[in-house]
């Protein structure tokens, strides 16, 4: 399995952040088939490989871009199979450490 290490766009809001795919990642990945995201309450460490991605052009695991605790997961994206994402679609909301 390959690593897509830095596909992230981090929208910072002081003590929390939204994690999104960067515009380049959206273009590279193509149509999203499946996402395996950490659960709400998970404590993430920067560089920890913990986000599974299956897309039209890539399958693998990516590293977390920040330290923090997951406070929300965008369930609409997780539940919607085979969708085209944009860089405006957030995946995780994280309270930063």
N, C-alpha and C. Protein backbone atom coordinates (compact mmCIF):
# COMPACT_ATOMS: atom_id res chain seq x y z
N UNK A 1 0.84 -1.18 0.00
CA UNK A 1 0.00 0.00 0.00
C UNK A 1 0.89 1.25 0.00
N UNK A 2 0.57 2.18 -0.82
CA UNK A 2 1.36 3.41 -0.93
C UNK A 2 0.96 4.42 0.13
N UNK A 3 1.79 5.43 0.33
CA UNK A 3 1.48 6.52 1.25
C UNK A 3 1.27 7.81 0.49
N UNK A 4 0.18 8.46 0.76
CA UNK A 4 -0.13 9.77 0.20
C UNK A 4 0.00 10.70 1.39
N UNK A 5 1.24 11.10 1.71
CA UNK A 5 1.56 11.69 3.01
C UNK A 5 0.96 13.05 3.27
N UNK A 6 0.92 13.94 2.31
CA UNK A 6 0.53 15.32 2.59
C UNK A 6 -0.54 15.84 1.64
N UNK A 7 -1.72 15.21 1.67
CA UNK A 7 -2.79 15.69 0.79
C UNK A 7 -3.67 16.75 1.43
N UNK A 8 -3.22 17.30 2.57
CA UNK A 8 -4.13 18.06 3.42
C UNK A 8 -4.07 19.57 3.27
N UNK A 9 -5.23 20.15 3.51
CA UNK A 9 -5.40 21.58 3.66
C UNK A 9 -5.93 21.74 5.08
N UNK A 10 -5.28 22.57 5.88
CA UNK A 10 -5.68 22.76 7.27
C UNK A 10 -6.29 24.15 7.41
N UNK A 11 -7.57 24.19 7.75
CA UNK A 11 -8.27 25.45 7.96
C UNK A 11 -8.23 25.73 9.47
N UNK A 12 -7.35 26.61 9.89
CA UNK A 12 -7.09 26.87 11.30
C UNK A 12 -8.03 27.92 11.88
N UNK A 13 -8.60 27.61 13.04
CA UNK A 13 -9.51 28.52 13.76
C UNK A 13 -9.07 28.64 15.21
N UNK A 14 -7.89 29.16 15.46
CA UNK A 14 -7.33 29.33 16.81
C UNK A 14 -7.13 28.00 17.54
N UNK A 15 -8.16 27.51 18.27
CA UNK A 15 -7.96 26.30 19.07
C UNK A 15 -8.47 25.02 18.40
N UNK A 16 -9.01 25.13 17.20
CA UNK A 16 -9.40 23.93 16.46
C UNK A 16 -9.11 24.14 14.97
N UNK A 17 -9.19 23.04 14.24
CA UNK A 17 -8.92 23.11 12.79
C UNK A 17 -9.82 22.12 12.06
N UNK A 18 -10.14 22.48 10.83
CA UNK A 18 -10.80 21.55 9.92
C UNK A 18 -9.73 20.98 9.01
N UNK A 19 -9.76 19.67 8.84
CA UNK A 19 -8.84 18.99 7.93
C UNK A 19 -9.61 18.71 6.64
N UNK A 20 -9.04 19.15 5.53
CA UNK A 20 -9.65 18.98 4.21
C UNK A 20 -8.60 18.43 3.25
N UNK A 21 -9.05 17.96 2.09
CA UNK A 21 -8.11 17.62 1.03
C UNK A 21 -7.69 18.91 0.33
N UNK A 22 -6.41 19.02 -0.01
CA UNK A 22 -5.93 20.17 -0.77
C UNK A 22 -6.47 20.09 -2.20
N UNK A 23 -6.51 21.22 -2.91
CA UNK A 23 -6.96 21.18 -4.32
C UNK A 23 -6.15 20.19 -5.17
N UNK A 24 -4.85 20.12 -4.93
CA UNK A 24 -4.01 19.18 -5.70
C UNK A 24 -4.39 17.74 -5.37
N UNK A 25 -4.66 17.46 -4.10
CA UNK A 25 -5.06 16.10 -3.71
C UNK A 25 -6.40 15.72 -4.34
N UNK A 26 -7.35 16.65 -4.33
CA UNK A 26 -8.66 16.39 -4.93
C UNK A 26 -8.49 16.00 -6.40
N UNK A 27 -7.66 16.73 -7.10
CA UNK A 27 -7.42 16.46 -8.52
C UNK A 27 -6.70 15.12 -8.71
N UNK A 28 -5.70 14.85 -7.88
CA UNK A 28 -4.92 13.62 -7.98
C UNK A 28 -5.74 12.39 -7.65
N UNK A 29 -6.54 12.46 -6.59
CA UNK A 29 -7.31 11.31 -6.14
C UNK A 29 -8.41 10.91 -7.10
N UNK A 30 -9.05 11.89 -7.70
CA UNK A 30 -10.23 11.59 -8.53
C UNK A 30 -11.42 11.27 -7.65
N UNK A 31 -12.30 10.48 -8.15
CA UNK A 31 -13.55 10.15 -7.44
C UNK A 31 -13.24 9.33 -6.18
N UNK A 32 -13.79 9.76 -5.06
CA UNK A 32 -13.60 9.08 -3.79
C UNK A 32 -14.52 7.87 -3.71
N UNK A 33 -13.96 6.74 -3.31
CA UNK A 33 -14.73 5.51 -3.17
C UNK A 33 -14.98 5.20 -1.69
N UNK A 34 -13.96 5.39 -0.84
CA UNK A 34 -14.07 5.02 0.57
C UNK A 34 -13.07 5.82 1.40
N UNK A 35 -13.49 6.24 2.58
CA UNK A 35 -12.61 6.89 3.55
C UNK A 35 -12.71 6.16 4.88
N UNK A 36 -11.58 5.89 5.50
CA UNK A 36 -11.54 5.32 6.84
C UNK A 36 -10.94 6.40 7.74
N UNK A 37 -11.81 7.12 8.45
CA UNK A 37 -11.38 8.24 9.28
C UNK A 37 -11.37 7.83 10.75
N UNK A 38 -10.54 8.49 11.55
CA UNK A 38 -10.53 8.22 12.99
C UNK A 38 -11.89 8.57 13.61
N UNK A 39 -12.21 7.92 14.73
CA UNK A 39 -13.46 8.17 15.44
C UNK A 39 -13.39 9.46 16.23
N UNK A 40 -14.56 10.03 16.52
CA UNK A 40 -14.65 11.17 17.43
C UNK A 40 -14.05 10.74 18.77
N UNK A 41 -13.21 11.59 19.33
CA UNK A 41 -12.54 11.29 20.58
C UNK A 41 -11.13 10.74 20.41
N UNK A 42 -10.78 10.35 19.20
CA UNK A 42 -9.43 9.81 18.95
C UNK A 42 -8.39 10.90 19.15
N UNK A 43 -7.29 10.55 19.82
CA UNK A 43 -6.18 11.49 20.00
C UNK A 43 -5.15 11.21 18.92
N UNK A 44 -4.93 12.19 18.05
CA UNK A 44 -4.05 12.00 16.90
C UNK A 44 -2.72 12.70 17.12
N UNK A 45 -1.68 12.08 16.65
CA UNK A 45 -0.33 12.65 16.68
C UNK A 45 0.10 12.95 15.25
N UNK A 46 0.67 14.12 15.04
CA UNK A 46 1.17 14.50 13.73
C UNK A 46 2.09 13.41 13.19
N UNK A 47 1.93 13.10 11.91
CA UNK A 47 2.70 12.08 11.19
C UNK A 47 2.22 10.65 11.44
N UNK A 48 1.17 10.47 12.26
CA UNK A 48 0.63 9.14 12.51
C UNK A 48 -0.18 8.71 11.28
N UNK A 49 0.16 7.57 10.66
CA UNK A 49 -0.64 7.12 9.52
C UNK A 49 -1.98 6.58 10.03
N UNK A 50 -3.07 7.30 9.78
CA UNK A 50 -4.34 6.85 10.34
C UNK A 50 -5.57 7.23 9.52
N UNK A 51 -5.40 7.67 8.29
CA UNK A 51 -6.55 7.99 7.45
C UNK A 51 -6.45 7.14 6.18
N UNK A 52 -7.35 6.18 6.07
CA UNK A 52 -7.36 5.30 4.90
C UNK A 52 -8.17 5.93 3.78
N UNK A 53 -7.62 5.87 2.58
CA UNK A 53 -8.26 6.50 1.43
C UNK A 53 -8.31 5.49 0.28
N UNK A 54 -9.50 5.35 -0.29
CA UNK A 54 -9.63 4.60 -1.54
C UNK A 54 -10.32 5.52 -2.53
N UNK A 55 -9.65 5.78 -3.62
CA UNK A 55 -10.17 6.69 -4.64
C UNK A 55 -9.92 6.10 -6.02
N UNK A 56 -10.47 6.77 -7.00
CA UNK A 56 -10.36 6.34 -8.39
C UNK A 56 -8.89 6.16 -8.82
N UNK A 57 -8.00 7.05 -8.36
CA UNK A 57 -6.61 7.03 -8.81
C UNK A 57 -5.60 6.66 -7.73
N UNK A 58 -6.07 6.29 -6.54
CA UNK A 58 -5.12 6.02 -5.46
C UNK A 58 -5.78 5.27 -4.33
N UNK A 59 -5.05 4.32 -3.72
CA UNK A 59 -5.50 3.59 -2.54
C UNK A 59 -4.33 3.57 -1.56
N UNK A 60 -4.61 3.90 -0.29
CA UNK A 60 -3.55 3.84 0.70
C UNK A 60 -3.92 4.51 2.00
N UNK A 61 -2.89 4.77 2.79
CA UNK A 61 -3.04 5.40 4.10
C UNK A 61 -2.25 6.69 4.10
N UNK A 62 -2.82 7.71 4.74
CA UNK A 62 -2.15 9.00 4.82
C UNK A 62 -1.89 9.37 6.26
N UNK A 63 -0.89 10.21 6.45
CA UNK A 63 -0.50 10.65 7.79
C UNK A 63 -1.33 11.85 8.23
N UNK A 64 -1.57 11.94 9.52
CA UNK A 64 -2.31 13.05 10.12
C UNK A 64 -1.41 14.30 10.10
N UNK A 65 -1.95 15.47 9.72
CA UNK A 65 -1.12 16.67 9.60
C UNK A 65 -0.93 17.49 10.88
N UNK A 66 -1.69 17.18 11.95
CA UNK A 66 -1.61 17.97 13.18
C UNK A 66 -1.81 17.08 14.41
N UNK A 67 -1.44 17.59 15.58
CA UNK A 67 -1.74 16.93 16.85
C UNK A 67 -3.08 17.42 17.35
N UNK A 68 -3.90 16.53 17.88
CA UNK A 68 -5.16 16.97 18.47
C UNK A 68 -6.14 15.84 18.69
N UNK A 69 -7.33 16.24 19.14
CA UNK A 69 -8.41 15.30 19.43
C UNK A 69 -9.54 15.55 18.44
N UNK A 70 -10.01 14.47 17.81
CA UNK A 70 -11.09 14.57 16.84
C UNK A 70 -12.39 14.88 17.59
N UNK A 71 -13.04 16.00 17.22
CA UNK A 71 -14.30 16.38 17.84
C UNK A 71 -15.48 16.18 16.91
N UNK A 72 -15.23 16.04 15.61
CA UNK A 72 -16.31 15.80 14.66
C UNK A 72 -15.75 15.15 13.40
N UNK A 73 -16.55 14.30 12.80
CA UNK A 73 -16.25 13.66 11.52
C UNK A 73 -17.39 14.03 10.59
N UNK A 74 -17.06 14.43 9.36
CA UNK A 74 -18.09 14.80 8.40
C UNK A 74 -18.77 13.53 7.89
N UNK A 75 -19.85 13.16 8.54
CA UNK A 75 -20.56 11.92 8.24
C UNK A 75 -21.13 11.90 6.84
N UNK A 76 -21.48 13.05 6.29
CA UNK A 76 -22.03 13.09 4.92
C UNK A 76 -21.03 12.55 3.92
N UNK A 77 -19.75 12.86 4.12
CA UNK A 77 -18.72 12.37 3.20
C UNK A 77 -18.43 10.90 3.44
N UNK A 78 -18.35 10.50 4.70
CA UNK A 78 -18.07 9.10 5.03
C UNK A 78 -19.19 8.20 4.51
N UNK A 79 -20.44 8.62 4.65
CA UNK A 79 -21.58 7.80 4.24
C UNK A 79 -21.83 7.81 2.74
N UNK A 80 -21.35 8.86 2.03
CA UNK A 80 -21.63 9.00 0.61
C UNK A 80 -20.52 8.33 -0.18
N UNK A 81 -20.79 7.19 -0.73
CA UNK A 81 -19.80 6.45 -1.50
C UNK A 81 -19.73 6.99 -2.94
N UNK A 82 -18.56 6.90 -3.51
CA UNK A 82 -18.32 7.31 -4.89
C UNK A 82 -18.72 8.76 -5.14
N UNK A 83 -18.02 9.66 -4.51
CA UNK A 83 -18.33 11.08 -4.71
C UNK A 83 -17.08 11.83 -5.14
N UNK A 84 -17.31 12.95 -5.76
CA UNK A 84 -16.23 13.87 -6.11
C UNK A 84 -16.16 14.92 -5.01
N UNK A 85 -15.04 15.01 -4.34
CA UNK A 85 -14.87 16.01 -3.30
C UNK A 85 -14.33 17.30 -3.89
N UNK A 86 -14.43 18.35 -3.11
CA UNK A 86 -13.75 19.60 -3.42
C UNK A 86 -12.88 19.94 -2.22
N UNK A 87 -12.03 20.92 -2.36
CA UNK A 87 -11.19 21.32 -1.23
C UNK A 87 -11.99 22.10 -0.18
N UNK A 88 -13.27 22.37 -0.44
CA UNK A 88 -14.14 23.00 0.56
C UNK A 88 -14.78 21.99 1.49
N UNK A 89 -14.76 20.71 1.13
CA UNK A 89 -15.38 19.66 1.94
C UNK A 89 -14.44 19.25 3.08
N UNK A 90 -14.86 19.51 4.33
CA UNK A 90 -14.03 19.13 5.47
C UNK A 90 -14.25 17.67 5.81
N UNK A 91 -13.21 17.05 6.37
CA UNK A 91 -13.28 15.65 6.76
C UNK A 91 -13.34 15.51 8.28
N UNK A 92 -12.41 16.19 8.97
CA UNK A 92 -12.31 16.10 10.43
C UNK A 92 -12.26 17.49 11.04
N UNK A 93 -12.86 17.62 12.22
CA UNK A 93 -12.68 18.81 13.05
C UNK A 93 -11.85 18.35 14.24
N UNK A 94 -10.74 19.04 14.48
CA UNK A 94 -9.80 18.63 15.51
C UNK A 94 -9.51 19.79 16.46
N UNK A 95 -9.61 19.52 17.77
CA UNK A 95 -9.14 20.48 18.77
C UNK A 95 -7.64 20.29 18.85
N UNK A 96 -6.89 21.34 18.57
CA UNK A 96 -5.44 21.25 18.49
C UNK A 96 -4.78 21.16 19.85
N UNK A 97 -3.73 20.35 19.92
CA UNK A 97 -2.90 20.24 21.15
C UNK A 97 -1.91 21.38 21.20
